[in-house]
Amino acid sequence: MSTALEVKRVPHSEDLSHPGEFVFIPKREPIRKFYSEPLTPPTGAFRRLWWNWFGKKYEIKQIVELLWPEIDTVIINCPDCNQPLATTKNHAIVSLEPLTIETSLTCPYSKTHTFKVADGKIMTA
């Protein structure tokens, strides 16, 4: 690829059909659920009396369900094979308009095509 290919933003990932098209997917916060669980009282008369007066009767537990993506992500079509690939924690998104990604991307399907996205253009690295 000798010339730089312009990137084009599309609204949904289903609309990715041409090389260089991308969609931005913002980070999603995890779902947090809380529930209380009763504690079993200690054995022994003195410990049991102390627990009845001052002890905690319930323990609050938290369940965290992580949702994809945990970070801001760009899904972009490879300029060579036209297959979609997503950025990871290693690829910092510098700006969306024009699209600039800090590090180079490598096509996960062929593993031989590395390209850089800067100022809204895709260039071979």
C-alpha atoms as a PDB file:
ATOM      1  CA  MET A   1       0.000   0.000   0.000  1.00  0.00           C
ATOM      2  CA  SER A   2       1.883   3.065  -1.216  1.00  0.00           C
ATOM      3  CA  THR A   3      -0.664   5.813  -0.524  1.00  0.00           C
ATOM      4  CA  ALA A   4      -2.370   6.592   2.754  1.00  0.00           C
ATOM      5  CA  LEU A   5      -5.949   5.352   3.051  1.00  0.00           C
ATOM      6  CA  GLU A   6      -8.527   7.674   4.623  1.00  0.00           C
ATOM      7  CA  VAL A   7     -10.426   6.271   7.590  1.00  0.00           C
ATOM      8  CA  LYS A   8     -14.183   6.720   7.809  1.00  0.00           C
ATOM      9  CA  ARG A   9     -16.295   6.485  10.959  1.00  0.00           C
ATOM     10  CA  VAL A  10     -19.499   4.438  10.788  1.00  0.00           C
ATOM     11  CA  PRO A  11     -22.244   4.453  13.443  1.00  0.00           C
ATOM     12  CA  HIS A  12     -22.459   0.688  14.150  1.00  0.00           C
ATOM     13  CA  SER A  13     -20.138  -2.295  13.882  1.00  0.00           C
ATOM     14  CA  GLU A  14     -22.629  -3.947  11.508  1.00  0.00           C
ATOM     15  CA  ASP A  15     -21.871  -1.142   9.011  1.00  0.00           C
ATOM     16  CA  LEU A  16     -18.157  -2.060   8.693  1.00  0.00           C
ATOM     17  CA  SER A  17     -17.838  -3.134   5.064  1.00  0.00           C
ATOM     18  CA  HIS A  18     -14.857  -1.330   3.460  1.00  0.00           C
ATOM     19  CA  PRO A  19     -11.152  -1.156   4.366  1.00  0.00           C
ATOM     20  CA  GLY A  20     -10.389   1.704   6.735  1.00  0.00           C
ATOM     21  CA  GLU A  21     -13.872   2.032   8.218  1.00  0.00           C
ATOM     22  CA  PHE A  22     -14.025   2.143  11.993  1.00  0.00           C
ATOM     23  CA  VAL A  23     -16.496   2.341  14.856  1.00  0.00           C
ATOM     24  CA  PHE A  24     -15.854   3.695  18.359  1.00  0.00           C
ATOM     25  CA  ILE A  25     -17.215   1.695  21.310  1.00  0.00           C
ATOM     26  CA  PRO A  26     -17.002   3.538  24.646  1.00  0.00           C
ATOM     27  CA  LYS A  27     -15.976   1.851  27.878  1.00  0.00           C
ATOM     28  CA  ARG A  28     -18.776   0.181  29.855  1.00  0.00           C
ATOM     29  CA  GLU A  29     -18.839   0.271  33.629  1.00  0.00           C
ATOM     30  CA  PRO A  30     -19.065  -3.106  35.398  1.00  0.00           C
ATOM     31  CA  ILE A  31     -22.332  -4.228  36.979  1.00  0.00           C
ATOM     32  CA  ARG A  32     -22.028  -4.293  40.775  1.00  0.00           C
ATOM     33  CA  LYS A  33     -24.445  -6.336  42.887  1.00  0.00           C
ATOM     34  CA  PHE A  34     -24.509  -6.325  46.680  1.00  0.00           C
ATOM     35  CA  TYR A  35     -26.073  -8.864  48.994  1.00  0.00           C
ATOM     36  CA  SER A  36     -25.902  -9.508  52.714  1.00  0.00           C
ATOM     37  CA  GLU A  37     -25.085 -12.855  54.227  1.00  0.00           C
ATOM     38  CA  PRO A  38     -25.722 -13.726  57.892  1.00  0.00           C
ATOM     39  CA  LEU A  39     -22.682 -14.615  59.972  1.00  0.00           C
ATOM     40  CA  THR A  40     -22.622 -17.637  62.243  1.00  0.00           C
ATOM     41  CA  PRO A  41     -22.349 -16.720  65.928  1.00  0.00           C
ATOM     42  CA  PRO A  42     -19.221 -17.790  67.818  1.00  0.00           C
ATOM     43  CA  THR A  43     -19.214 -20.613  70.347  1.00  0.00           C
ATOM     44  CA  GLY A  44     -18.567 -20.031  74.023  1.00  0.00           C
ATOM     45  CA  ALA A  45     -20.694 -18.103  76.522  1.00  0.00           C
ATOM     46  CA  PHE A  46     -18.571 -14.954  76.836  1.00  0.00           C
ATOM     47  CA  ARG A  47     -17.847 -14.694  73.093  1.00  0.00           C
ATOM     48  CA  ARG A  48     -21.513 -15.253  72.300  1.00  0.00           C
ATOM     49  CA  LEU A  49     -22.578 -12.519  74.791  1.00  0.00           C
ATOM     50  CA  TRP A  50     -20.026 -10.077  73.350  1.00  0.00           C
ATOM     51  CA  TRP A  51     -21.163 -10.935  69.815  1.00  0.00           C
ATOM     52  CA  ASN A  52     -24.850 -10.381  70.732  1.00  0.00           C
ATOM     53  CA  TRP A  53     -24.079  -6.906  72.110  1.00  0.00           C
ATOM     54  CA  PHE A  54     -21.379  -5.566  69.758  1.00  0.00           C
ATOM     55  CA  GLY A  55     -20.741  -8.029  66.959  1.00  0.00           C
ATOM     56  CA  LYS A  56     -21.603  -7.764  63.285  1.00  0.00           C
ATOM     57  CA  LYS A  57     -24.567  -9.942  62.418  1.00  0.00           C
ATOM     58  CA  TYR A  58     -24.325  -9.660  58.606  1.00  0.00           C
ATOM     59  CA  GLU A  59     -21.552  -9.426  56.062  1.00  0.00           C
ATOM     60  CA  ILE A  60     -22.094  -7.459  52.850  1.00  0.00           C
ATOM     61  CA  LYS A  61     -20.630  -9.109  49.748  1.00  0.00           C
ATOM     62  CA  GLN A  62     -20.128  -7.569  46.337  1.00  0.00           C
ATOM     63  CA  ILE A  63     -20.275  -9.302  42.953  1.00  0.00           C
ATOM     64  CA  VAL A  64     -18.620  -7.440  40.063  1.00  0.00           C
ATOM     65  CA  GLU A  65     -19.591  -8.472  36.531  1.00  0.00           C
ATOM     66  CA  LEU A  66     -17.145  -7.053  33.979  1.00  0.00           C
ATOM     67  CA  LEU A  67     -18.599  -5.951  30.654  1.00  0.00           C
ATOM     68  CA  TRP A  68     -16.840  -5.703  27.307  1.00  0.00           C
ATOM     69  CA  PRO A  69     -15.159  -3.356  26.579  1.00  0.00           C
ATOM     70  CA  GLU A  70     -13.403  -2.487  29.813  1.00  0.00           C
ATOM     71  CA  ILE A  71     -11.580   0.330  27.982  1.00  0.00           C
ATOM     72  CA  ASP A  72     -12.473   2.677  25.127  1.00  0.00           C
ATOM     73  CA  THR A  73     -12.146   0.595  21.960  1.00  0.00           C
ATOM     74  CA  VAL A  74     -11.955   1.195  18.230  1.00  0.00           C
ATOM     75  CA  ILE A  75     -12.925  -1.590  15.835  1.00  0.00           C
ATOM     76  CA  ILE A  76     -11.309  -0.929  12.448  1.00  0.00           C
ATOM     77  CA  ASN A  77     -11.272  -2.887   9.212  1.00  0.00           C
ATOM     78  CA  CYS A  78      -7.801  -3.984   8.114  1.00  0.00           C
ATOM     79  CA  PRO A  79      -6.737  -2.066   4.992  1.00  0.00           C
ATOM     80  CA  ASP A  80      -5.299  -5.245   3.468  1.00  0.00           C
ATOM     81  CA  CYS A  81      -7.732  -8.108   4.182  1.00  0.00           C
ATOM     82  CA  ASN A  82     -10.831  -6.052   5.196  1.00  0.00           C
ATOM     83  CA  GLN A  83     -11.328  -8.073   8.408  1.00  0.00           C
ATOM     84  CA  PRO A  84     -12.270  -6.212  11.636  1.00  0.00           C
ATOM     85  CA  LEU A  85      -9.801  -5.868  14.493  1.00  0.00           C
ATOM     86  CA  ALA A  86     -10.157  -4.181  17.874  1.00  0.00           C
ATOM     87  CA  THR A  87      -7.723  -2.067  19.834  1.00  0.00           C
ATOM     88  CA  THR A  88      -6.539  -3.325  23.225  1.00  0.00           C
ATOM     89  CA  LYS A  89      -5.025  -1.816  26.377  1.00  0.00           C
ATOM     90  CA  ASN A  90      -1.730  -1.542  24.459  1.00  0.00           C
ATOM     91  CA  HIS A  91      -3.245   0.787  21.850  1.00  0.00           C
ATOM     92  CA  ALA A  92      -4.024   4.199  23.292  1.00  0.00           C
ATOM     93  CA  ILE A  93      -6.621   6.195  21.345  1.00  0.00           C
ATOM     94  CA  VAL A  94      -5.179   9.697  21.091  1.00  0.00           C
ATOM     95  CA  SER A  95      -8.114  11.285  19.222  1.00  0.00           C
ATOM     96  CA  LEU A  96     -11.276  10.236  17.416  1.00  0.00           C
ATOM     97  CA  GLU A  97     -11.664  13.128  14.991  1.00  0.00           C
ATOM     98  CA  PRO A  98      -9.317  12.666  13.142  1.00  0.00           C
ATOM     99  CA  LEU A  99      -8.614   9.124  14.301  1.00  0.00           C
ATOM    100  CA  THR A 100      -5.152   8.712  15.804  1.00  0.00           C
ATOM    101  CA  ILE A 101      -3.937   5.583  17.604  1.00  0.00           C
ATOM    102  CA  GLU A 102      -0.661   5.816  19.515  1.00  0.00           C
ATOM    103  CA  THR A 103       0.895   2.456  18.572  1.00  0.00           C
ATOM    104  CA  SER A 104       0.885   0.412  15.382  1.00  0.00           C
ATOM    105  CA  LEU A 105      -1.761  -2.240  14.736  1.00  0.00           C
ATOM    106  CA  THR A 106      -1.028  -5.701  13.341  1.00  0.00           C
ATOM    107  CA  CYS A 107      -3.670  -7.679  11.483  1.00  0.00           C
ATOM    108  CA  PRO A 108      -4.480 -10.726  13.668  1.00  0.00           C
ATOM    109  CA  TYR A 109      -5.453 -12.801  10.638  1.00  0.00           C
ATOM    110  CA  SER A 110      -2.324 -12.500   8.492  1.00  0.00           C
ATOM    111  CA  LYS A 111       0.121 -11.282  11.217  1.00  0.00           C
ATOM    112  CA  THR A 112       2.348  -9.808   8.494  1.00  0.00           C
ATOM    113  CA  HIS A 113       0.521  -6.521   7.862  1.00  0.00           C
ATOM    114  CA  THR A 114       1.329  -3.785  10.357  1.00  0.00           C
ATOM    115  CA  PHE A 115      -0.138  -0.320   9.934  1.00  0.00           C
ATOM    116  CA  LYS A 116      -0.259   2.980  11.776  1.00  0.00           C
ATOM    117  CA  VAL A 117      -3.346   5.192  12.124  1.00  0.00           C
ATOM    118  CA  ALA A 118      -2.533   8.900  12.420  1.00  0.00           C
ATOM    119  CA  ASP A 119      -4.473  12.060  11.548  1.00  0.00           C
ATOM    120  CA  GLY A 120      -7.325  10.110   9.956  1.00  0.00           C
ATOM    121  CA  LYS A 121      -5.066   8.130   7.601  1.00  0.00           C
ATOM    122  CA  ILE A 122      -3.801   4.546   7.584  1.00  0.00           C
ATOM    123  CA  MET A 123      -0.153   4.114   6.628  1.00  0.00           C
ATOM    124  CA  THR A 124       1.981   0.963   6.519  1.00  0.00           C
ATOM    125  CA  ALA A 125       4.419   0.803   9.399  1.00  0.00           C
END
